[in-house]
Amino acid sequence: MNSMPTYITSITSKGQATIPMPIRKLLKLTTNGKVLFSMSNGKVELSSPPKSLQETFGSIKPLTSKMSFQKQRVIAFDEKTLKKKIEGSVNYVLC
C-alpha cells in the first residue's frame, strides 16, 4: 500500500485543476505563480519552475569594495595557492 497521500481534483471546462494546499505548500507555489509540468515514461511530474534572471536580480549584494581587478586577482590567486598547499599540490604559475 502506498503511504504517500494522493489527491483527486476536478478539471474545469477550461482545463484548469486546483492544486491541493499540501502540494502548493510543499512546492512553495503562490497565487498567480507558475508551475512546471514534466512528462516522462507515461508519468507527469509537477514541480516549482526555476527562477528567472529577472526574479533573482538584486538577491546578491554588490561588492562595496573599490578594489581594482588586479588586486582581486592577486587575492584569488593567493587563496587558490593556499588551498593547494593544504591539499599538497602547489603550482606557482600566475596566468
C-alpha atoms as a PDB file:
ATOM      1  CA  MET A   1       0.000   0.000   0.000  1.00  0.00           C
ATOM      2  CA  ASN A   2       1.287   3.483  -0.886  1.00  0.00           C
ATOM      3  CA  SER A   3       1.921   5.567   2.266  1.00  0.00           C
ATOM      4  CA  MET A   4       2.122   8.851   0.355  1.00  0.00           C
ATOM      5  CA  PRO A   5      -1.073  10.925   0.279  1.00  0.00           C
ATOM      6  CA  THR A   6      -2.952  11.153  -3.007  1.00  0.00           C
ATOM      7  CA  TYR A   7      -5.438  13.797  -4.088  1.00  0.00           C
ATOM      8  CA  ILE A   8      -8.243  13.881  -6.645  1.00  0.00           C
ATOM      9  CA  THR A   9      -9.387  17.198  -8.101  1.00  0.00           C
ATOM     10  CA  SER A  10     -11.886  18.148 -10.786  1.00  0.00           C
ATOM     11  CA  ILE A  11     -10.932  19.666 -14.134  1.00  0.00           C
ATOM     12  CA  THR A  12     -12.940  22.679 -15.286  1.00  0.00           C
ATOM     13  CA  SER A  13     -14.232  23.250 -18.815  1.00  0.00           C
ATOM     14  CA  LYS A  14     -11.155  25.470 -19.345  1.00  0.00           C
ATOM     15  CA  GLY A  15      -8.817  22.579 -18.446  1.00  0.00           C
ATOM     16  CA  GLN A  16      -7.944  24.016 -15.046  1.00  0.00           C
ATOM     17  CA  ALA A  17      -7.455  21.954 -11.907  1.00  0.00           C
ATOM     18  CA  THR A  18      -6.909  23.068  -8.325  1.00  0.00           C
ATOM     19  CA  ILE A  19      -3.581  22.014  -6.850  1.00  0.00           C
ATOM     20  CA  PRO A  20      -4.272  20.798  -3.297  1.00  0.00           C
ATOM     21  CA  MET A  21      -2.926  23.016  -0.493  1.00  0.00           C
ATOM     22  CA  PRO A  22      -0.396  20.471   0.889  1.00  0.00           C
ATOM     23  CA  ILE A  23       1.202  20.227  -2.569  1.00  0.00           C
ATOM     24  CA  ARG A  24       1.223  24.025  -3.030  1.00  0.00           C
ATOM     25  CA  LYS A  25       2.928  24.405   0.351  1.00  0.00           C
ATOM     26  CA  LEU A  26       5.468  21.696  -0.425  1.00  0.00           C
ATOM     27  CA  LEU A  27       6.392  23.311  -3.761  1.00  0.00           C
ATOM     28  CA  LYS A  28       6.109  26.854  -2.354  1.00  0.00           C
ATOM     29  CA  LEU A  29       3.607  27.786  -5.069  1.00  0.00           C
ATOM     30  CA  THR A  30       1.803  31.098  -4.681  1.00  0.00           C
ATOM     31  CA  THR A  31      -1.324  32.654  -6.146  1.00  0.00           C
ATOM     32  CA  ASN A  32      -0.686  33.720  -9.751  1.00  0.00           C
ATOM     33  CA  GLY A  33       2.634  31.850  -9.631  1.00  0.00           C
ATOM     34  CA  LYS A  34       3.834  29.307 -12.149  1.00  0.00           C
ATOM     35  CA  VAL A  35       4.135  25.533 -12.042  1.00  0.00           C
ATOM     36  CA  LEU A  36       6.280  23.237 -14.190  1.00  0.00           C
ATOM     37  CA  PHE A  37       4.815  20.034 -15.680  1.00  0.00           C
ATOM     38  CA  SER A  38       7.236  17.377 -16.976  1.00  0.00           C
ATOM     39  CA  MET A  39       6.235  14.156 -18.754  1.00  0.00           C
ATOM     40  CA  SER A  40       8.387  11.036 -18.747  1.00  0.00           C
ATOM     41  CA  ASN A  41       7.583   7.347 -19.218  1.00  0.00           C
ATOM     42  CA  GLY A  42       3.832   7.924 -19.057  1.00  0.00           C
ATOM     43  CA  LYS A  43       4.020   9.884 -15.793  1.00  0.00           C
ATOM     44  CA  VAL A  44       3.619  13.591 -15.120  1.00  0.00           C
ATOM     45  CA  GLU A  45       5.789  15.390 -12.584  1.00  0.00           C
ATOM     46  CA  LEU A  46       4.739  18.661 -11.012  1.00  0.00           C
ATOM     47  CA  SER A  47       7.437  20.999  -9.662  1.00  0.00           C
ATOM     48  CA  SER A  48       8.359  24.598  -8.985  1.00  0.00           C
ATOM     49  CA  PRO A  49       9.903  26.178 -12.075  1.00  0.00           C
ATOM     50  CA  PRO A  50      13.443  27.538 -11.861  1.00  0.00           C
ATOM     51  CA  LYS A  51      13.597  31.233 -11.048  1.00  0.00           C
ATOM     52  CA  SER A  52      14.216  33.597 -13.937  1.00  0.00           C
ATOM     53  CA  LEU A  53      17.111  36.030 -14.023  1.00  0.00           C
ATOM     54  CA  GLN A  54      14.645  38.877 -13.504  1.00  0.00           C
ATOM     55  CA  GLU A  55      13.247  37.219 -10.350  1.00  0.00           C
ATOM     56  CA  THR A  56      16.707  36.733  -8.852  1.00  0.00           C
ATOM     57  CA  PHE A  57      18.062  40.167  -9.794  1.00  0.00           C
ATOM     58  CA  GLY A  58      19.194  42.014  -6.698  1.00  0.00           C
ATOM     59  CA  SER A  59      19.298  38.913  -4.487  1.00  0.00           C
ATOM     60  CA  ILE A  60      23.099  39.179  -4.205  1.00  0.00           C
ATOM     61  CA  LYS A  61      24.500  42.350  -2.732  1.00  0.00           C
ATOM     62  CA  PRO A  62      27.141  44.029  -4.919  1.00  0.00           C
ATOM     63  CA  LEU A  63      30.695  44.314  -3.668  1.00  0.00           C
ATOM     64  CA  THR A  64      31.194  47.538  -1.779  1.00  0.00           C
ATOM     65  CA  SER A  65      34.963  47.428  -2.099  1.00  0.00           C
ATOM     66  CA  LYS A  66      36.590  49.748  -4.617  1.00  0.00           C
ATOM     67  CA  MET A  67      39.418  47.248  -5.043  1.00  0.00           C
ATOM     68  CA  SER A  68      40.976  47.056  -8.504  1.00  0.00           C
ATOM     69  CA  PHE A  69      40.519  43.959 -10.628  1.00  0.00           C
ATOM     70  CA  GLN A  70      44.284  43.262 -10.429  1.00  0.00           C
ATOM     71  CA  LYS A  71      44.170  43.328  -6.609  1.00  0.00           C
ATOM     72  CA  GLN A  72      41.132  40.993  -6.588  1.00  0.00           C
ATOM     73  CA  ARG A  73      43.002  38.655  -8.948  1.00  0.00           C
ATOM     74  CA  VAL A  74      46.058  38.558  -6.671  1.00  0.00           C
ATOM     75  CA  ILE A  75      43.870  37.771  -3.651  1.00  0.00           C
ATOM     76  CA  ALA A  76      42.083  34.996  -5.569  1.00  0.00           C
ATOM     77  CA  PHE A  77      45.449  33.564  -6.662  1.00  0.00           C
ATOM     78  CA  ASP A  78      46.729  33.643  -3.061  1.00  0.00           C
ATOM     79  CA  GLU A  79      43.580  31.849  -1.842  1.00  0.00           C
ATOM     80  CA  LYS A  80      43.938  29.215  -4.564  1.00  0.00           C
ATOM     81  CA  THR A  81      47.638  28.727  -3.732  1.00  0.00           C
ATOM     82  CA  LEU A  82      46.854  28.336  -0.027  1.00  0.00           C
ATOM     83  CA  LYS A  83      44.154  25.779  -0.829  1.00  0.00           C
ATOM     84  CA  LYS A  84      46.590  23.795  -2.992  1.00  0.00           C
ATOM     85  CA  LYS A  85      49.248  23.921  -0.232  1.00  0.00           C
ATOM     86  CA  ILE A  86      46.716  22.480   2.174  1.00  0.00           C
ATOM     87  CA  GLU A  87      45.814  19.762  -0.351  1.00  0.00           C
ATOM     88  CA  GLY A  88      49.518  19.072  -1.011  1.00  0.00           C
ATOM     89  CA  SER A  89      49.691  20.236  -4.631  1.00  0.00           C
ATOM     90  CA  VAL A  90      51.242  23.647  -5.253  1.00  0.00           C
ATOM     91  CA  ASN A  91      51.558  25.330  -8.648  1.00  0.00           C
ATOM     92  CA  TYR A  92      53.062  28.847  -8.590  1.00  0.00           C
ATOM     93  CA  VAL A  93      52.305  29.821 -12.195  1.00  0.00           C
ATOM     94  CA  LEU A  94      50.284  33.020 -12.416  1.00  0.00           C
ATOM     95  CA  CYS A  95      48.152  33.005 -15.542  1.00  0.00           C
END
